Amino acid sequence: MDESLIRSLIPKKLDSDMAGIVPYLIWAALIVSGLSLAAMAVFGIRNIAYGKMDYVTAGLLGTPGLLLVVLGFVMDSWAEAAVMTFMILLVLTSLSLLISSLRGLLGL
């Protein structure tokens, strides 16, 4: 679709009112997401310290972040690294679901 067509469908007053608030909403969403990730990391470390979580589980939970950091430094841009990380994790998740289903089907 053409951007001018989309802009013509939005009332002018609504377009001008929303233009000022959108950057603040994006920053608010990023800050809330960052705080939630920080809280998950803190409570994950706390659970490891109290012995409630196995080291293998903690390592598996850290795999996406480690993969993103490695690909971020290897690839041209961090956006490409994020997309590649998502694709790799999607394939790994699909394979693990397939293997789990086959194990259940064959009774292994």
Foldseek 3Di string as FASTA:
>chain_A
DDPVVVVVVDDPVVVVVVVVCVVVVVVVVVVVVVVVVVVVVVVVVVCVVVVNDDPVVVVVVCVLVVQLVVQCVVDDHSVVSNVVSVVVVVVVVVVVVVVVVVCVVVVD
